[in-house]
Protein backbone atom coordinates (compact mmCIF):
# COMPACT_ATOMS: atom_id res chain seq x y z
CA MET A 1 5.48 114.07 131.78
CA LYS A 2 2.13 112.29 132.00
CA ALA A 3 3.02 110.83 135.38
CA SER A 4 4.02 114.23 136.74
CA ARG A 5 0.78 115.78 135.45
CA LEU A 6 -1.29 113.06 137.09
CA ALA A 7 0.54 113.56 140.36
CA ALA A 8 0.00 117.31 140.19
CA ALA A 9 -3.71 116.80 139.48
CA ALA A 10 -4.00 114.37 142.38
CA LEU A 11 -2.43 116.90 144.71
CA ALA A 12 -4.59 119.74 143.36
CA GLY A 13 -7.83 117.77 143.67
CA PRO A 14 -8.17 117.90 147.47
CA ALA A 15 -7.22 121.57 147.45
CA VAL A 16 -10.07 122.34 145.05
CA LEU A 17 -12.51 120.48 147.28
CA VAL A 18 -11.34 122.33 150.35
CA LEU A 19 -11.63 125.70 148.67
CA SER A 20 -15.06 125.04 147.22
CA ALA A 21 -16.58 123.53 150.38
CA PRO A 22 -17.52 126.86 152.03
CA ALA A 23 -19.77 127.66 149.05
CA PHE A 24 -22.18 124.98 150.27
CA ALA A 25 -22.27 126.31 153.83
CA HIS A 26 -24.55 129.32 153.88
CA VAL A 27 -27.38 130.74 155.97
CA SER A 28 -30.55 128.77 155.27
CA VAL A 29 -34.10 128.43 156.63
CA GLN A 30 -36.16 125.28 157.19
CA PRO A 31 -39.51 124.71 158.90
CA GLU A 32 -39.94 122.43 161.89
CA GLY A 33 -42.59 120.25 160.28
CA THR A 34 -44.65 121.93 157.57
CA ALA A 35 -44.93 125.59 156.60
CA ALA A 36 -48.39 125.60 155.01
CA LYS A 37 -49.94 128.55 153.23
CA GLY A 38 -52.35 130.45 155.45
CA GLY A 39 -51.03 128.79 158.58
CA TYR A 40 -48.41 129.23 161.26
CA ALA A 41 -45.03 127.53 161.53
CA VAL A 42 -41.84 127.40 163.54
CA VAL A 43 -38.81 127.87 161.31
CA ASP A 44 -35.08 127.60 162.00
CA PHE A 45 -32.46 129.86 160.46
CA LYS A 46 -29.35 127.69 160.31
CA VAL A 47 -26.10 129.66 160.49
CA PRO A 48 -22.76 127.88 159.97
CA ASN A 49 -19.44 129.47 160.84
CA GLU A 50 -17.40 129.53 157.64
CA ARG A 51 -14.25 130.97 159.17
CA ASP A 52 -11.50 129.20 161.10
CA ASN A 53 -10.16 132.34 162.80
CA ALA A 54 -13.33 134.19 163.88
CA SER A 55 -16.71 133.58 165.50
CA THR A 56 -20.13 134.64 164.25
CA THR A 57 -21.36 137.27 166.66
CA LYS A 58 -24.42 138.72 164.94
CA LEU A 59 -27.24 137.69 162.62
CA GLU A 60 -29.78 140.04 161.06
CA VAL A 61 -32.78 138.61 159.19
CA THR A 62 -34.96 140.98 157.13
CA PHE A 63 -38.56 139.98 156.40
CA PRO A 64 -40.14 140.36 152.95
CA ALA A 65 -42.03 143.66 152.64
CA ASP A 66 -44.35 142.31 149.94
CA HIS A 67 -45.67 139.59 152.26
CA PRO A 68 -45.76 141.03 155.79
CA LEU A 69 -46.36 138.64 158.68
CA ALA A 70 -48.68 139.67 161.52
CA SER A 71 -47.03 137.44 164.12
CA VAL A 72 -43.30 136.80 164.55
CA MET A 73 -41.99 135.51 167.89
CA PRO A 74 -38.37 134.49 168.57
CA GLN A 75 -37.44 131.76 171.02
CA PRO A 76 -35.17 132.85 173.89
CA MET A 77 -31.58 131.67 173.42
CA ASN A 78 -28.81 131.50 175.97
CA GLY A 79 -25.85 133.63 174.97
CA TRP A 80 -27.81 135.80 172.53
CA LYS A 81 -29.62 139.12 172.82
CA ILE A 82 -32.66 139.33 170.52
CA GLU A 83 -34.13 142.51 169.07
CA VAL A 84 -37.39 142.55 167.09
CA THR A 85 -37.94 145.55 164.79
CA LYS A 86 -41.47 146.49 163.71
CA SER A 87 -42.62 148.96 161.08
CA LYS A 88 -45.98 150.44 160.12
CA LEU A 89 -47.70 148.90 157.14
CA ASP A 90 -48.90 150.92 154.17
CA LYS A 91 -51.92 148.63 154.03
CA PRO A 92 -53.14 147.11 157.33
CA LEU A 93 -53.58 143.34 157.55
CA GLU A 94 -56.75 141.68 158.79
CA VAL A 95 -56.10 138.62 160.93
CA HIS A 96 -58.88 136.78 162.79
CA GLY A 97 -61.13 139.82 162.49
CA ARG A 98 -58.46 142.23 163.80
CA LYS A 99 -56.67 144.87 161.78
CA ILE A 100 -52.87 144.82 162.13
CA SER A 101 -51.22 148.15 161.32
CA GLU A 102 -47.59 147.09 161.89
CA ALA A 103 -45.49 144.01 161.25
CA VAL A 104 -42.04 142.68 162.05
CA THR A 105 -39.51 143.78 159.45
CA LYS A 106 -36.29 142.51 161.04
CA VAL A 107 -35.02 140.27 163.82
CA THR A 108 -31.45 140.68 165.11
CA TRP A 109 -29.50 138.24 167.26
CA THR A 110 -26.35 139.61 168.92
CA ALA A 111 -24.01 137.36 170.90
CA ASP A 112 -23.29 138.37 174.46
CA GLY A 113 -20.83 135.49 174.79
CA LYS A 114 -18.59 133.60 172.39
CA GLY A 115 -21.13 133.39 169.57
CA ILE A 116 -20.78 130.64 166.97
CA GLU A 117 -17.19 129.46 167.14
CA PRO A 118 -15.24 127.96 164.23
CA GLY A 119 -16.36 124.45 163.36
CA TYR A 120 -19.91 124.93 164.71
CA PHE A 121 -23.34 126.07 163.56
CA GLN A 122 -26.35 127.52 165.36
CA LYS A 123 -30.11 127.39 164.76
CA PHE A 124 -32.18 130.51 165.37
CA PRO A 125 -35.89 129.56 165.76
CA LEU A 126 -38.86 131.81 165.04
CA SER A 127 -42.61 131.23 165.22
CA MET A 128 -44.36 133.08 162.41
CA GLY A 129 -47.67 133.48 160.63
CA ALA A 130 -50.09 133.72 159.15
CA LEU A 131 -48.09 132.63 156.11
CA PRO A 132 -49.25 134.14 152.81
CA GLU A 133 -51.52 132.17 150.50
CA ASP A 134 -50.57 133.91 147.24
CA THR A 135 -46.95 132.77 146.95
CA ASP A 136 -44.96 129.54 147.01
CA GLN A 137 -41.98 130.91 148.90
CA LEU A 138 -40.70 133.63 151.19
CA VAL A 139 -37.25 135.17 150.75
CA PHE A 140 -35.43 136.40 153.86
CA LYS A 141 -32.29 138.45 153.40
CA ALA A 142 -29.67 137.81 156.10
CA ILE A 143 -26.49 139.53 157.22
CA GLN A 144 -23.84 137.57 159.14
CA THR A 145 -21.20 139.42 161.16
CA TYR A 146 -17.98 137.91 162.50
CA SER A 147 -15.89 138.81 165.51
CA ASN A 148 -13.17 140.21 163.22
CA LYS A 149 -15.76 142.72 161.87
CA GLU A 150 -16.16 140.84 158.58
CA VAL A 151 -19.72 141.04 157.19
CA VAL A 152 -21.27 138.53 154.80
CA ARG A 153 -24.51 139.55 153.10
CA TRP A 154 -26.74 136.62 152.18
CA ILE A 155 -29.07 138.69 150.01
CA GLU A 156 -28.91 137.35 146.46
CA VAL A 157 -32.29 135.92 145.42
CA PRO A 158 -31.96 132.51 143.72
CA GLN A 159 -33.62 132.32 140.30
CA LYS A 160 -35.22 129.24 138.77
CA GLY A 161 -33.16 127.68 136.01
CA GLN A 162 -30.00 129.50 137.07
CA GLU A 163 -27.02 128.49 139.16
CA GLU A 164 -27.13 129.27 142.85
CA PRO A 165 -25.52 132.66 143.56
CA ASP A 166 -22.41 132.96 145.71
CA THR A 167 -24.30 134.46 148.64
CA PRO A 168 -27.91 133.23 148.32
CA ALA A 169 -30.66 134.57 150.56
CA PRO A 170 -32.51 132.04 152.75
CA VAL A 171 -35.70 130.87 151.02
CA LEU A 172 -38.64 129.27 152.84
CA GLN A 173 -40.71 126.99 150.62
CA LEU A 174 -44.43 126.99 151.45
CA ALA A 175 -46.57 123.87 151.28
CA ALA A 176 -50.17 123.75 150.10
CA ALA A 177 -52.82 124.68 152.64
CA SER A 178 -54.37 121.82 154.60
CA ASP A 179 -57.84 120.46 153.82
CA ASP A 180 -59.56 122.92 156.15
CA GLY A 181 -57.79 125.80 154.44
CA HIS A 182 -55.44 126.46 157.37
CA GLY A 183 -52.08 125.19 158.43
CA HIS A 184 -52.09 126.19 162.07
CA GLY A 185 -49.56 124.54 164.31
CA THR A 186 -50.56 122.79 167.49
CA SER A 187 -51.63 125.24 170.19
CA ALA A 188 -52.44 124.85 173.86
CA GLU A 189 -56.16 124.97 173.03
CA ASP A 190 -55.75 122.26 170.40
CA THR A 191 -53.94 120.09 172.91
CA ALA A 192 -56.66 120.66 175.49
CA ASP A 193 -59.38 119.86 172.97
CA ASP A 194 -57.58 116.69 171.95
CA ALA A 195 -57.24 115.70 175.60
CA LYS A 196 -60.97 116.08 176.36
CA PRO A 197 -62.20 113.14 174.24
CA ALA A 198 -59.39 111.01 175.64
CA ALA A 199 -60.34 111.91 179.22
CA GLN A 200 -64.01 111.29 178.52
CA SER A 201 -63.19 107.97 176.89
CA THR A 202 -61.04 106.98 179.87
CA ALA A 203 -63.83 107.87 182.30
CA ALA A 204 -66.33 105.90 180.24
CA ASP A 205 -63.98 102.93 180.06
CA THR A 206 -63.43 103.09 183.83
CA SER A 207 -67.17 103.24 184.49
CA LYS A 208 -67.79 100.36 182.11
CA SER A 209 -64.97 98.36 183.69
CA GLY A 210 -66.46 98.97 187.16
CA SER A 211 -69.90 97.84 185.98
CA ASP A 212 -68.42 94.72 184.39
CA THR A 213 -66.54 93.88 187.61
CA THR A 214 -69.67 94.31 189.72
CA ALA A 215 -71.67 92.08 187.39
CA ARG A 216 -68.97 89.42 187.52
CA VAL A 217 -68.85 89.50 191.34
CA LEU A 218 -72.62 89.20 191.60
CA GLY A 219 -72.57 86.33 189.10
CA ILE A 220 -69.95 84.48 191.09
CA ILE A 221 -71.90 85.02 194.31
CA GLY A 222 -75.00 83.64 192.61
CA ILE A 223 -73.14 80.58 191.43
CA VAL A 224 -71.75 79.96 194.92
CA VAL A 225 -75.18 80.37 196.55
CA GLY A 226 -76.74 78.08 193.95
CA ALA A 227 -74.08 75.43 194.49
CA ALA A 228 -74.58 75.66 198.24
CA GLY A 229 -78.29 75.17 197.76
CA VAL A 230 -77.76 72.11 195.61
CA ALA A 231 -75.34 70.63 198.12
CA TYR A 232 -77.80 71.25 200.95
CA GLY A 233 -80.54 69.55 198.96
CA VAL A 234 -78.39 66.50 198.30
CA LEU A 235 -77.45 66.18 201.97
CA ALA A 236 -81.04 66.57 203.06
CA GLY A 237 -82.11 63.86 200.63
CA ARG A 238 -79.48 61.45 201.96
CA ARG A 239 -80.57 62.07 205.52
CA ARG A 240 -84.17 61.28 204.66
CA THR A 241 -83.16 58.09 202.84
CA ALA A 242 -81.00 57.01 205.79
CA ALA A 243 -83.88 57.67 208.16
């Protein structure tokens, strides 16, 4: 009896693992680098295909209404149509001295090809900011649609001290603001500004190198002329002695 029970448990073990595995594969969000409070960041929504008989053909991500973001820009993706939905804000935001009266409330990706096939995942990148300074996280509710019309709603908000829900919403953890109070990502202007000192330094180094080379050449010429003078003096002295 014991042997048969052990054998049954051994056979059931892998089945339990297989059945429970999909619970770990859910829509999630992670920053590319650091998502600092008050700054801008590029984040990726990672969407795995949990089905073996259907493809993921649509993803809808809803933005938190309590922390609206003034700037949200998706990256173009082959095989996907992207729609950005904006709504008017009850209270306008002030960003860099400008008042923003509307913000992005939802981004939708719809496959115009095969979508995410079984056994694969896809990342959906977004550039967003300025990130709020009065919270440690942002919760994005997501809806995943399959080619067989099945819909999975990743909208349950995880709670501290509790087990993860069956269909948790993607949560973006925010890092502390940088020393200057901002967490801006690298921009074209930043790159240009960084390049200026390097270019100036290179020009200065080149000028210095040219000056050093000139000085060395003149020094060598001086040495050669001096040596020639000494040799001439020695020869002249010998001629006088011989005479």
